[in-house]
C-alpha atoms as a PDB file:
ATOM      1  CA  ALA A   1      16.769 100.347 -12.554  1.00  0.00           C
ATOM      2  CA  PHE A   2      15.995 101.961 -15.996  1.00  0.00           C
ATOM      3  CA  GLN A   3      12.025 102.195 -14.740  1.00  0.00           C
ATOM      4  CA  PRO A   4      10.013 105.640 -15.134  1.00  0.00           C
ATOM      5  CA  LEU A   5       9.418 107.714 -11.462  1.00  0.00           C
ATOM      6  CA  TYR A   6       7.739 109.473 -10.067  1.00  0.00           C
ATOM      7  CA  ILE A   7       7.891 112.128  -6.723  1.00  0.00           C
ATOM      8  CA  SER A   8       5.729 111.036  -4.091  1.00  0.00           C
ATOM      9  CA  LYS A   9       3.571 114.149  -2.525  1.00  0.00           C
ATOM     10  CA  GLY A  10       3.035 111.974   0.886  1.00  0.00           C
ATOM     11  CA  SER A  11       0.320 110.117   2.280  1.00  0.00           C
ATOM     12  CA  ALA A  12      -0.856 113.410   4.056  1.00  0.00           C
ATOM     13  CA  ASN A  13      -1.602 114.343   0.321  1.00  0.00           C
ATOM     14  CA  GLY A  14      -3.252 111.112  -0.908  1.00  0.00           C
ATOM     15  CA  ASP A  15      -0.172 108.830  -1.857  1.00  0.00           C
ATOM     16  CA  ALA A  16      -0.808 106.362   0.856  1.00  0.00           C
ATOM     17  CA  GLY A  17       2.049 104.635   2.542  1.00  0.00           C
ATOM     18  CA  ARG A  18       4.654 106.747   0.544  1.00  0.00           C
ATOM     19  CA  THR A  19       6.904 109.171   2.127  1.00  0.00           C
ATOM     20  CA  ILE A  20       7.143 113.058   0.662  1.00  0.00           C
ATOM     21  CA  ASP A  21       9.735 114.150  -2.013  1.00  0.00           C
ATOM     22  CA  ARG A  22      11.306 110.237  -2.103  1.00  0.00           C
ATOM     23  CA  ALA A  23      11.091 108.940  -5.735  1.00  0.00           C
ATOM     24  CA  TYR A  24       8.751 105.776  -6.315  1.00  0.00           C
ATOM     25  CA  ILE A  25       8.239 103.476 -10.313  1.00  0.00           C
ATOM     26  CA  LEU A  26       5.123 105.149 -11.385  1.00  0.00           C
ATOM     27  CA  ASN A  27       2.071 103.572 -11.090  1.00  0.00           C
ATOM     28  CA  PRO A  28      -0.992 104.470 -14.197  1.00  0.00           C
ATOM     29  CA  ALA A  29      -3.701 102.704 -12.187  1.00  0.00           C
ATOM     30  CA  ASN A  30      -2.705 105.425  -9.315  1.00  0.00           C
ATOM     31  CA  GLU A  31      -3.376 109.012  -9.487  1.00  0.00           C
ATOM     32  CA  HIS A  32      -1.549 110.092  -6.809  1.00  0.00           C
ATOM     33  CA  ARG A  33       1.203 108.193  -8.494  1.00  0.00           C
ATOM     34  CA  MET A  34       1.749 109.355 -11.903  1.00  0.00           C
ATOM     35  CA  GLU A  35       3.109 112.256 -12.515  1.00  0.00           C
ATOM     36  CA  PHE A  36       6.521 111.076 -14.667  1.00  0.00           C
ATOM     37  CA  VAL A  37       9.593 112.415 -13.605  1.00  0.00           C
ATOM     38  CA  GLY A  38      12.263 110.873 -15.310  1.00  0.00           C
ATOM     39  CA  ILE A  39      13.719 107.471 -15.546  1.00  0.00           C
ATOM     40  CA  ALA A  40      16.123 105.768 -12.860  1.00  0.00           C
ATOM     41  CA  ALA A  41      19.382 105.635 -14.487  1.00  0.00           C
ATOM     42  CA  LYS A  42      20.667 102.430 -12.254  1.00  0.00           C
ATOM     43  CA  ALA A  43      19.118 100.201  -9.512  1.00  0.00           C
ATOM     44  CA  ALA A  44      18.747 101.479  -5.714  1.00  0.00           C
ATOM     45  CA  THR A  45      17.565 100.850  -2.536  1.00  0.00           C
ATOM     46  CA  ALA A  46      14.740 102.218  -0.251  1.00  0.00           C
ATOM     47  CA  GLY A  47      15.930 105.312   1.380  1.00  0.00           C
ATOM     48  CA  SER A  48      19.518 105.304  -0.961  1.00  0.00           C
ATOM     49  CA  GLU A  49      19.867 108.221  -3.814  1.00  0.00           C
ATOM     50  CA  VAL A  50      19.181 106.982  -7.053  1.00  0.00           C
ATOM     51  CA  PRO A  51      20.099 109.696 -10.593  1.00  0.00           C
ATOM     52  CA  ILE A  52      17.731 110.353 -12.700  1.00  0.00           C
ATOM     53  CA  VAL A  53      17.448 110.681 -16.219  1.00  0.00           C
ATOM     54  CA  SER A  54      14.907 113.837 -17.468  1.00  0.00           C
ATOM     55  CA  SER A  55      15.795 114.174 -20.841  1.00  0.00           C
ATOM     56  CA  GLY A  56      17.739 113.461 -23.821  1.00  0.00           C
ATOM     57  CA  ARG A  57      18.338 109.523 -24.987  1.00  0.00           C
ATOM     58  CA  PHE A  58      18.357 106.599 -23.515  1.00  0.00           C
ATOM     59  CA  LYS A  59      18.416 102.813 -24.008  1.00  0.00           C
ATOM     60  CA  ILE A  60      16.168 100.247 -22.646  1.00  0.00           C
ATOM     61  CA  PRO A  61      16.595  96.782 -21.817  1.00  0.00           C
ATOM     62  CA  ALA A  62      14.547  94.487 -23.821  1.00  0.00           C
ATOM     63  CA  SER A  63      13.187  92.999 -20.732  1.00  0.00           C
ATOM     64  CA  LEU A  64      11.383  96.405 -20.134  1.00  0.00           C
ATOM     65  CA  ILE A  65       9.881  97.133 -23.322  1.00  0.00           C
ATOM     66  CA  GLN A  66       6.898  95.462 -24.640  1.00  0.00           C
ATOM     67  CA  GLY A  67       7.247  92.520 -27.039  1.00  0.00           C
ATOM     68  CA  GLY A  68      11.218  93.274 -26.962  1.00  0.00           C
ATOM     69  CA  SER A  69      11.281  96.262 -28.704  1.00  0.00           C
ATOM     70  CA  PHE A  70       9.698  99.677 -29.717  1.00  0.00           C
ATOM     71  CA  ILE A  71       7.977 100.668 -33.086  1.00  0.00           C
ATOM     72  CA  SER A  72      10.478 103.597 -34.189  1.00  0.00           C
ATOM     73  CA  GLY A  73       9.113 107.146 -33.991  1.00  0.00           C
ATOM     74  CA  GLU A  74       6.033 105.925 -32.087  1.00  0.00           C
ATOM     75  CA  MET A  75       5.227 107.657 -28.734  1.00  0.00           C
ATOM     76  CA  VAL A  76       6.033 105.363 -25.698  1.00  0.00           C
ATOM     77  CA  TYR A  77       4.040 104.840 -23.019  1.00  0.00           C
ATOM     78  CA  TRP A  78       4.347 103.178 -19.711  1.00  0.00           C
ATOM     79  CA  THR A  79       2.432 100.049 -18.723  1.00  0.00           C
ATOM     80  CA  GLY A  80       2.836  99.711 -15.223  1.00  0.00           C
ATOM     81  CA  SER A  81       5.371  97.254 -15.873  1.00  0.00           C
ATOM     82  CA  GLN A  82       6.696  97.813 -19.450  1.00  0.00           C
ATOM     83  CA  PHE A  83       7.366 100.729 -21.743  1.00  0.00           C
ATOM     84  CA  SER A  84       5.503 100.145 -24.782  1.00  0.00           C
ATOM     85  CA  THR A  85       4.666 101.994 -28.319  1.00  0.00           C
ATOM     86  CA  THR A  86       1.344 100.263 -28.360  1.00  0.00           C
ATOM     87  CA  VAL A  87      -1.753 102.130 -26.603  1.00  0.00           C
ATOM     88  CA  PRO A  88      -2.457 100.604 -23.151  1.00  0.00           C
ATOM     89  CA  THR A  89      -6.040  99.176 -23.778  1.00  0.00           C
ATOM     90  CA  ASN A  90      -6.505  99.110 -19.269  1.00  0.00           C
ATOM     91  CA  THR A  91      -9.513 101.024 -17.934  1.00  0.00           C
ATOM     92  CA  ASP A  92      -9.497 102.831 -14.254  1.00  0.00           C
ATOM     93  CA  PHE A  93      -6.150 103.944 -16.196  1.00  0.00           C
ATOM     94  CA  TRP A  94      -3.739 106.512 -16.914  1.00  0.00           C
ATOM     95  CA  LEU A  95      -2.312 106.548 -20.768  1.00  0.00           C
ATOM     96  CA  ILE A  96       1.140 108.399 -19.663  1.00  0.00           C
ATOM     97  CA  LYS A  97       3.509 109.342 -22.563  1.00  0.00           C
ATOM     98  CA  VAL A  98       6.841 109.234 -21.211  1.00  0.00           C
ATOM     99  CA  GLY A  99       8.787 109.679 -24.592  1.00  0.00           C
ATOM    100  CA  LYS A 100       9.541 108.705 -28.293  1.00  0.00           C
ATOM    101  CA  ALA A 101      11.296 105.429 -29.864  1.00  0.00           C
ATOM    102  CA  LEU A 102      13.887 106.530 -31.484  1.00  0.00           C
ATOM    103  CA  ASN A 103      14.483 103.034 -32.521  1.00  0.00           C
ATOM    104  CA  ALA A 104      14.025  99.640 -31.354  1.00  0.00           C
ATOM    105  CA  ASP A 105      15.496 100.235 -27.775  1.00  0.00           C
ATOM    106  CA  ASN A 106      16.006 104.007 -27.786  1.00  0.00           C
ATOM    107  CA  LEU A 107      13.907 106.528 -26.132  1.00  0.00           C
ATOM    108  CA  LEU A 108      13.669 109.992 -26.270  1.00  0.00           C
ATOM    109  CA  VAL A 109      12.734 110.750 -22.770  1.00  0.00           C
ATOM    110  CA  ASN A 110      10.380 113.723 -22.039  1.00  0.00           C
ATOM    111  CA  PRO A 111       8.497 114.552 -18.950  1.00  0.00           C
ATOM    112  CA  ASP A 112       6.626 117.284 -20.628  1.00  0.00           C
ATOM    113  CA  LEU A 113       4.704 114.706 -22.494  1.00  0.00           C
ATOM    114  CA  ALA A 114       3.053 113.579 -18.885  1.00  0.00           C
ATOM    115  CA  ALA A 115       1.201 116.285 -18.552  1.00  0.00           C
ATOM    116  CA  SER A 116      -1.487 115.552 -21.581  1.00  0.00           C
ATOM    117  CA  ALA A 117      -1.941 112.382 -19.597  1.00  0.00           C
ATOM    118  CA  VAL A 118      -5.377 110.774 -20.356  1.00  0.00           C
ATOM    119  CA  TYR A 119      -7.656 108.961 -17.669  1.00  0.00           C
ATOM    120  CA  VAL A 120      -9.537 105.960 -19.216  1.00  0.00           C
ATOM    121  CA  PRO A 121     -12.607 105.407 -16.325  1.00  0.00           C
ATOM    122  CA  PRO A 122     -13.496 101.972 -15.385  1.00  0.00           C
ATOM    123  CA  THR A 123     -16.309 100.254 -17.324  1.00  0.00           C
ATOM    124  CA  PRO A 124     -19.455 100.251 -15.410  1.00  0.00           C
ATOM    125  CA  SER A 125     -20.910  97.121 -14.850  1.00  0.00           C
ATOM    126  CA  ALA A 126     -24.792  96.333 -15.545  1.00  0.00           C
ATOM    127  CA  LEU A 127     -26.917  94.494 -13.325  1.00  0.00           C
ATOM    128  CA  THR A 128     -30.676  93.747 -14.053  1.00  0.00           C
ATOM    129  CA  ILE A 129     -33.539  95.701 -11.836  1.00  0.00           C
ATOM    130  CA  ASN A 130     -36.310  93.398 -11.876  1.00  0.00           C
ATOM    131  CA  ASN A 131     -40.025  95.100 -11.502  1.00  0.00           C
ATOM    132  CA  ASN A 132     -42.303  94.870  -8.151  1.00  0.00           C
ATOM    133  CA  VAL A 133     -39.352  93.509  -6.004  1.00  0.00           C
ATOM    134  CA  THR A 134     -41.251  93.445  -2.321  1.00  0.00           C
ATOM    135  CA  SER A 135     -38.464  91.230  -0.269  1.00  0.00           C
ATOM    136  CA  PRO A 136     -34.856  92.549  -0.130  1.00  0.00           C
ATOM    137  CA  THR A 137     -33.011  90.754  -3.447  1.00  0.00           C
ATOM    138  CA  ALA A 138     -28.857  90.609  -2.596  1.00  0.00           C
ATOM    139  CA  LEU A 139     -27.126  92.106  -6.038  1.00  0.00           C
ATOM    140  CA  PRO A 140     -23.912  90.986  -6.772  1.00  0.00           C
ATOM    141  CA  ILE A 141     -22.101  93.762  -5.272  1.00  0.00           C
ATOM    142  CA  THR A 142     -20.128  92.477  -2.202  1.00  0.00           C
ATOM    143  CA  PHE A 143     -17.193  93.919   0.466  1.00  0.00           C
ATOM    144  CA  ASN A 144     -15.238  91.707   2.047  1.00  0.00           C
ATOM    145  CA  PRO A 145     -15.308  93.392   5.579  1.00  0.00           C
ATOM    146  CA  THR A 146     -12.007  91.666   6.661  1.00  0.00           C
ATOM    147  CA  THR A 147     -10.539  94.116   3.925  1.00  0.00           C
ATOM    148  CA  THR A 148     -12.528  97.109   3.634  1.00  0.00           C
ATOM    149  CA  GLN A 149     -13.930  99.230   6.447  1.00  0.00           C
ATOM    150  CA  ALA A 150     -15.853 101.569   4.130  1.00  0.00           C
ATOM    151  CA  PHE A 151     -17.476 101.714   0.118  1.00  0.00           C
ATOM    152  CA  GLU A 152     -18.579 104.256  -1.768  1.00  0.00           C
ATOM    153  CA  ILE A 153     -20.284 103.578  -5.283  1.00  0.00           C
ATOM    154  CA  HIS A 154     -21.337 105.585  -8.417  1.00  0.00           C
ATOM    155  CA  TYR A 155     -24.563 104.886  -9.859  1.00  0.00           C
ATOM    156  CA  GLN A 156     -27.566 104.913 -12.783  1.00  0.00           C
ATOM    157  CA  ILE A 157     -30.631 102.913 -12.464  1.00  0.00           C
ATOM    158  CA  ARG A 158     -33.096 103.480 -15.845  1.00  0.00           C
ATOM    159  CA  ARG A 159     -36.179 101.262 -15.603  1.00  0.00           C
ATOM    160  CA  ILE A 160     -39.167 101.266 -18.482  1.00  0.00           C
ATOM    161  CA  ALA A 161     -42.673  99.815 -18.169  1.00  0.00           C
ATOM    162  CA  GLY A 162     -44.718 100.860 -21.752  1.00  0.00           C
ATOM    163  CA  SER A 163     -44.059 104.419 -22.631  1.00  0.00           C
ATOM    164  CA  THR A 164     -42.954 104.789 -18.667  1.00  0.00           C
ATOM    165  CA  GLU A 165     -39.781 105.689 -18.030  1.00  0.00           C
ATOM    166  CA  ASN A 166     -38.371 105.837 -14.045  1.00  0.00           C
ATOM    167  CA  SER A 167     -34.470 107.160 -13.777  1.00  0.00           C
ATOM    168  CA  GLU A 168     -32.558 107.924 -11.193  1.00  0.00           C
ATOM    169  CA  SER A 169     -28.622 108.714 -10.410  1.00  0.00           C
ATOM    170  CA  GLY A 170     -26.780 108.875  -6.733  1.00  0.00           C
ATOM    171  CA  ILE A 171     -24.088 107.472  -4.688  1.00  0.00           C
ATOM    172  CA  LEU A 172     -24.407 104.734  -1.669  1.00  0.00           C
ATOM    173  CA  SER A 173     -21.698 104.774   0.273  1.00  0.00           C
ATOM    174  CA  GLY A 174     -21.502 102.485   3.780  1.00  0.00           C
ATOM    175  CA  HIS A 175     -18.718 101.391   6.293  1.00  0.00           C
ATOM    176  CA  TYR A 176     -18.737  97.845   8.993  1.00  0.00           C
ATOM    177  CA  ASN A 177     -19.734  98.453  12.443  1.00  0.00           C
ATOM    178  CA  SER A 178     -17.511  94.963  13.449  1.00  0.00           C
ATOM    179  CA  HIS A 179     -18.938  94.552  17.167  1.00  0.00           C
ATOM    180  CA  LEU A 180     -22.148  94.551  15.547  1.00  0.00           C
ATOM    181  CA  GLY A 181     -21.081  92.509  12.494  1.00  0.00           C
ATOM    182  CA  GLN A 182     -23.333  94.860  10.309  1.00  0.00           C
ATOM    183  CA  TRP A 183     -22.813  97.429   7.145  1.00  0.00           C
ATOM    184  CA  PHE A 184     -24.697 100.829   7.416  1.00  0.00           C
ATOM    185  CA  LEU A 185     -25.658 102.249   4.043  1.00  0.00           C
ATOM    186  CA  VAL A 186     -26.406 105.711   3.070  1.00  0.00           C
ATOM    187  CA  ASN A 187     -28.113 106.473  -0.836  1.00  0.00           C
ATOM    188  CA  HIS A 188     -27.161 110.226  -0.950  1.00  0.00           C
ATOM    189  CA  SER A 189     -26.988 112.847  -3.961  1.00  0.00           C
ATOM    190  CA  ILE A 190     -29.831 111.457  -5.832  1.00  0.00           C
ATOM    191  CA  VAL A 191     -31.196 113.133  -9.024  1.00  0.00           C
ATOM    192  CA  GLY A 192     -34.480 111.789 -10.446  1.00  0.00           C
ATOM    193  CA  ASP A 193     -36.799 108.661  -8.552  1.00  0.00           C
ATOM    194  CA  ALA A 194     -36.597 105.250 -10.343  1.00  0.00           C
ATOM    195  CA  PHE A 195     -38.466 103.898  -6.915  1.00  0.00           C
ATOM    196  CA  VAL A 196     -35.550 101.760  -5.893  1.00  0.00           C
ATOM    197  CA  THR A 197     -34.878 101.249  -2.439  1.00  0.00           C
ATOM    198  CA  PHE A 198     -31.682  99.968  -1.002  1.00  0.00           C
ATOM    199  CA  SER A 199     -30.240  98.045   1.994  1.00  0.00           C
ATOM    200  CA  MET A 200     -28.034  95.822   2.888  1.00  0.00           C
ATOM    201  CA  SER A 201     -28.017  91.809   2.790  1.00  0.00           C
ATOM    202  CA  GLY A 202     -24.858  90.783   5.184  1.00  0.00           C
ATOM    203  CA  SER A 203     -22.017  91.772   3.014  1.00  0.00           C
ATOM    204  CA  SER A 204     -24.363  92.564  -0.141  1.00  0.00           C
ATOM    205  CA  ILE A 205     -26.250  95.177  -1.363  1.00  0.00           C
ATOM    206  CA  ALA A 206     -29.698  94.277  -1.819  1.00  0.00           C
ATOM    207  CA  TYR A 207     -32.828  96.337  -3.673  1.00  0.00           C
ATOM    208  CA  THR A 208     -36.503  96.268  -3.620  1.00  0.00           C
ATOM    209  CA  SER A 209     -38.519  97.896  -6.883  1.00  0.00           C
ATOM    210  CA  SER A 210     -41.925  99.306  -6.972  1.00  0.00           C
ATOM    211  CA  ASN A 211     -44.550  98.054  -9.410  1.00  0.00           C
ATOM    212  CA  MET A 212     -44.484 100.089 -12.924  1.00  0.00           C
ATOM    213  CA  THR A 213     -47.577  98.772 -14.798  1.00  0.00           C
ATOM    214  CA  GLY A 214     -47.338  98.133 -18.340  1.00  0.00           C
ATOM    215  CA  SER A 215     -45.087  96.163 -20.883  1.00  0.00           C
ATOM    216  CA  PRO A 216     -42.302  95.449 -21.773  1.00  0.00           C
ATOM    217  CA  TYR A 217     -40.589  96.187 -18.649  1.00  0.00           C
ATOM    218  CA  SER A 218     -36.822  96.568 -18.430  1.00  0.00           C
ATOM    219  CA  GLY A 219     -35.062  97.315 -15.909  1.00  0.00           C
ATOM    220  CA  THR A 220     -31.244  98.089 -16.202  1.00  0.00           C
ATOM    221  CA  MET A 221     -28.514  99.312 -12.877  1.00  0.00           C
ATOM    222  CA  VAL A 222     -24.930 100.742 -13.751  1.00  0.00           C
ATOM    223  CA  TYR A 223     -22.165 101.173 -11.435  1.00  0.00           C
ATOM    224  CA  LYS A 224     -18.953 101.515 -10.863  1.00  0.00           C
ATOM    225  CA  THR A 225     -17.234 100.895  -7.294  1.00  0.00           C
ATOM    226  CA  GLN A 226     -15.655 104.692  -6.807  1.00  0.00           C
ATOM    227  CA  ASN A 227     -13.507 104.577  -3.083  1.00  0.00           C
ATOM    228  CA  THR A 228     -13.127 101.636  -0.711  1.00  0.00           C
ATOM    229  CA  LEU A 229     -11.214 102.272   2.633  1.00  0.00           C
ATOM    230  CA  ASP A 230      -8.849  99.621   4.454  1.00  0.00           C
ATOM    231  CA  PHE A 231      -7.101 100.637   7.427  1.00  0.00           C
ATOM    232  CA  SER A 232      -4.145  98.312   6.193  1.00  0.00           C
ATOM    233  CA  VAL A 233      -3.210 100.621   3.667  1.00  0.00           C
ATOM    234  CA  ASP A 234      -4.924 103.905   3.636  1.00  0.00           C
ATOM    235  CA  ASN A 235      -4.129 107.170   5.374  1.00  0.00           C
ATOM    236  CA  THR A 236      -4.906 106.362   9.157  1.00  0.00           C
ATOM    237  CA  ALA A 237      -4.743 108.221  12.460  1.00  0.00           C
ATOM    238  CA  THR A 238      -5.240 107.726  16.291  1.00  0.00           C
ATOM    239  CA  ILE A 239      -8.580 108.783  17.902  1.00  0.00           C
ATOM    240  CA  ASN A 240      -8.789 109.071  21.500  1.00  0.00           C
ATOM    241  CA  ASN A 241     -11.705 108.669  23.470  1.00  0.00           C
ATOM    242  CA  ASN A 242     -13.546 111.889  25.574  1.00  0.00           C
ATOM    243  CA  VAL A 243     -11.575 114.462  23.515  1.00  0.00           C
ATOM    244  CA  SER A 244     -13.423 117.281  24.809  1.00  0.00           C
ATOM    245  CA  SER A 245     -11.034 120.505  23.109  1.00  0.00           C
ATOM    246  CA  PRO A 246     -10.480 120.304  19.624  1.00  0.00           C
ATOM    247  CA  THR A 247      -7.153 118.085  18.859  1.00  0.00           C
ATOM    248  CA  SER A 248      -5.565 117.758  15.347  1.00  0.00           C
ATOM    249  CA  ILE A 249      -5.777 114.582  13.533  1.00  0.00           C
ATOM    250  CA  SER A 250      -2.330 113.377  12.284  1.00  0.00           C
ATOM    251  CA  GLY A 251      -1.688 113.876   8.748  1.00  0.00           C
ATOM    252  CA  MET A 252      -4.911 115.644   8.039  1.00  0.00           C
ATOM    253  CA  ASN A 253      -3.467 119.187   7.552  1.00  0.00           C
ATOM    254  CA  PHE A 254      -3.008 121.071   4.257  1.00  0.00           C
ATOM    255  CA  GLY A 255      -0.536 124.016   3.573  1.00  0.00           C
ATOM    256  CA  PRO A 256      -1.161 127.607   2.396  1.00  0.00           C
ATOM    257  CA  THR A 257      -0.939 126.567  -1.739  1.00  0.00           C
ATOM    258  CA  VAL A 258      -4.036 124.397  -0.989  1.00  0.00           C
ATOM    259  CA  ARG A 259      -7.897 126.008  -2.176  1.00  0.00           C
ATOM    260  CA  GLY A 260      -9.616 123.319  -1.759  1.00  0.00           C
ATOM    261  CA  VAL A 261      -9.911 119.392  -0.180  1.00  0.00           C
ATOM    262  CA  LEU A 262     -12.344 116.785  -0.223  1.00  0.00           C
ATOM    263  CA  LEU A 263     -12.186 113.317   1.586  1.00  0.00           C
ATOM    264  CA  PHE A 264     -13.998 110.149   1.953  1.00  0.00           C
ATOM    265  CA  TYR A 265     -13.251 108.906   5.693  1.00  0.00           C
ATOM    266  CA  SER A 266     -13.959 106.312   8.425  1.00  0.00           C
ATOM    267  CA  VAL A 267     -14.164 106.309  11.696  1.00  0.00           C
ATOM    268  CA  GLN A 268     -14.223 103.135  14.075  1.00  0.00           C
ATOM    269  CA  ARG A 269     -14.274 103.662  17.950  1.00  0.00           C
ATOM    270  CA  LYS A 270     -14.106 100.901  20.004  1.00  0.00           C
ATOM    271  CA  THR A 271     -14.092  99.214  23.710  1.00  0.00           C
ATOM    272  CA  THR A 272     -13.461  95.750  24.779  1.00  0.00           C
ATOM    273  CA  SER A 273     -15.113  95.709  27.900  1.00  0.00           C
ATOM    274  CA  PRO A 274     -17.922  96.064  27.982  1.00  0.00           C
ATOM    275  CA  ALA A 275     -17.951  94.955  23.868  1.00  0.00           C
ATOM    276  CA  SER A 276     -19.018  98.254  22.442  1.00  0.00           C
ATOM    277  CA  GLU A 277     -18.442  99.989  18.796  1.00  0.00           C
ATOM    278  CA  LYS A 278     -19.310 103.376  17.638  1.00  0.00           C
ATOM    279  CA  SER A 279     -18.517 103.760  14.034  1.00  0.00           C
ATOM    280  CA  GLU A 280     -19.275 105.987  10.602  1.00  0.00           C
ATOM    281  CA  SER A 281     -18.188 106.863   7.188  1.00  0.00           C
ATOM    282  CA  GLY A 282     -19.032 110.034   5.256  1.00  0.00           C
ATOM    283  CA  TYR A 283     -17.035 112.950   3.216  1.00  0.00           C
ATOM    284  CA  ILE A 284     -15.320 116.218   4.479  1.00  0.00           C
ATOM    285  CA  SER A 285     -14.877 119.114   2.308  1.00  0.00           C
ATOM    286  CA  LEU A 286     -12.553 121.590   2.967  1.00  0.00           C
ATOM    287  CA  VAL A 287     -12.189 125.509   1.036  1.00  0.00           C
ATOM    288  CA  ARG A 288      -9.585 127.889   1.828  1.00  0.00           C
ATOM    289  CA  ASN A 289     -10.678 131.700   1.755  1.00  0.00           C
ATOM    290  CA  SER A 290      -6.961 132.873   0.458  1.00  0.00           C
ATOM    291  CA  THR A 291      -8.503 136.462   1.087  1.00  0.00           C
ATOM    292  CA  SER A 292      -8.958 135.947   4.742  1.00  0.00           C
ATOM    293  CA  SER A 293      -6.368 133.267   5.095  1.00  0.00           C
ATOM    294  CA  SER A 294      -9.338 131.211   6.864  1.00  0.00           C
ATOM    295  CA  TRP A 295     -10.947 127.675   5.877  1.00  0.00           C
ATOM    296  CA  LEU A 296     -14.079 126.439   6.050  1.00  0.00           C
ATOM    297  CA  ILE A 297     -15.326 122.726   6.637  1.00  0.00           C
ATOM    298  CA  SER A 298     -18.568 120.468   5.586  1.00  0.00           C
ATOM    299  CA  VAL A 299     -19.089 117.251   6.986  1.00  0.00           C
ATOM    300  CA  TRP A 300     -21.985 115.239   4.752  1.00  0.00           C
ATOM    301  CA  GLY A 301     -23.333 111.886   3.543  1.00  0.00           C
ATOM    302  CA  VAL A 302     -22.760 110.335   6.942  1.00  0.00           C
ATOM    303  CA  ALA A 303     -23.680 106.795   7.479  1.00  0.00           C
ATOM    304  CA  ASP A 304     -24.511 105.865  11.344  1.00  0.00           C
ATOM    305  CA  ASN A 305     -22.506 108.037  14.285  1.00  0.00           C
ATOM    306  CA  ALA A 306     -19.321 107.300  15.848  1.00  0.00           C
ATOM    307  CA  GLY A 307     -19.638 110.275  18.620  1.00  0.00           C
ATOM    308  CA  ILE A 308     -17.142 112.987  16.515  1.00  0.00           C
ATOM    309  CA  SER A 309     -17.291 116.320  15.602  1.00  0.00           C
ATOM    310  CA  PHE A 310     -15.077 117.810  13.108  1.00  0.00           C
ATOM    311  CA  SER A 311     -13.247 121.452  12.697  1.00  0.00           C
ATOM    312  CA  VAL A 312     -10.467 123.327  10.953  1.00  0.00           C
ATOM    313  CA  THR A 313      -7.736 125.284  12.281  1.00  0.00           C
ATOM    314  CA  SER A 314      -7.300 128.800   9.947  1.00  0.00           C
ATOM    315  CA  GLY A 315      -3.767 127.202   9.313  1.00  0.00           C
ATOM    316  CA  GLY A 316      -5.846 123.898   7.253  1.00  0.00           C
ATOM    317  CA  GLN A 317      -5.113 121.504  10.062  1.00  0.00           C
ATOM    318  CA  VAL A 318      -8.186 119.300  10.655  1.00  0.00           C
ATOM    319  CA  GLN A 319      -9.276 118.730  14.276  1.00  0.00           C
ATOM    320  CA  TYR A 320     -11.828 116.516  16.103  1.00  0.00           C
ATOM    321  CA  THR A 321     -13.472 116.101  19.427  1.00  0.00           C
ATOM    322  CA  THR A 322     -15.352 113.033  20.635  1.00  0.00           C
ATOM    323  CA  ASP A 323     -17.619 111.729  23.345  1.00  0.00           C
ATOM    324  CA  ASN A 324     -17.135 109.458  25.992  1.00  0.00           C
ATOM    325  CA  MET A 325     -17.173 106.221  25.861  1.00  0.00           C
ATOM    326  CA  THR A 326     -17.479 104.173  28.837  1.00  0.00           C
ATOM    327  CA  GLY A 327     -15.782 100.861  29.144  1.00  0.00           C
ATOM    328  CA  SER A 328     -12.113  99.851  29.375  1.00  0.00           C
ATOM    329  CA  GLY A 329      -9.648  98.712  26.291  1.00  0.00           C
ATOM    330  CA  TYR A 330     -10.728 101.311  24.475  1.00  0.00           C
ATOM    331  CA  THR A 331      -9.277 102.097  20.487  1.00  0.00           C
ATOM    332  CA  GLY A 332     -10.127 104.538  18.059  1.00  0.00           C
ATOM    333  CA  THR A 333      -8.704 104.829  14.409  1.00  0.00           C
ATOM    334  CA  ILE A 334      -9.772 107.308  11.219  1.00  0.00           C
ATOM    335  CA  VAL A 335      -8.980 106.058   7.903  1.00  0.00           C
ATOM    336  CA  TRP A 336      -9.471 108.330   4.780  1.00  0.00           C
ATOM    337  CA  GLU A 337      -8.438 109.191   1.180  1.00  0.00           C
ATOM    338  CA  VAL A 338      -8.419 112.402  -0.494  1.00  0.00           C
ATOM    339  CA  LEU A 339     -10.801 112.129  -3.533  1.00  0.00           C
ATOM    340  CA  SER A 340      -9.808 115.447  -5.224  1.00  0.00           C
ATOM    341  CA  GLU A 341      -7.477 118.520  -4.122  1.00  0.00           C
ATOM    342  CA  LEU A 342      -7.797 122.117  -5.872  1.00  0.00           C
ATOM    343  CA  SER A 343      -4.228 123.498  -5.386  1.00  0.00           C
END
């Protein structure tokens, strides 16, 4: 009770594991759960109705106020667990104003303030890139295949030797093939060239680098993990075997109010006898032409090959076909996350 709420757009629109048009507790650390609509006026159980206060004066229990009381006259933020008149210092976080403190425990609720929410990006991690590294050397960037099926990293590299500089920026994306016990990595969208090559060493990203002559030498890589995919928490759907006619992917459909979508996805297809696996990860871009009411689709940045092809209907439903994996005990799954949506 007495916590700020948002109305979910549902799993199909990026809010994984949530039901469309139901109210949930506001989460400033999740871009799909940060549109404040009001405060729960009483306790409620899952699936039950709850009255929402969307304006006016509201008394907040001291247990839900950071420090036990507000500073009168200051804007009030939601930290994810408490209300606060101190601006949160979190990164990878939305600063969401929910109202204004009238006194030590009373809040003037105002959902309109949430429209000015400010995103604080994560602080990029910095690593050293040594010179003339001829054998793949592991970086402290590691992914656990039991919890992560695919990942996406944005990075920049700057190498300087004397008066010479080599730099680049790009995206590393990869996915895990459980049958082979192997990660597959793709480096794409590169701007510039730092003469660094990436690969996977076990579950870690590794690199080699060219020899830059001159001194002094310095090499730095800054990066942040942008997205990871997990079959247990993200949007998933079944992918059948040997599908020759385009078949809809459950939950991957977008209505006429949507103009464009970018998805990060991973597909895993397996048989148990013989033990075999086909998998891939990549991006799906969708654009709607409002004049012709048709959709365009582009699949890019693909790592490996799961034997799947994608298409889209005029109604915004993404469909697929697959090749034939021989053997028994077939299972197939796609997992995805909506990275951006333009309405």
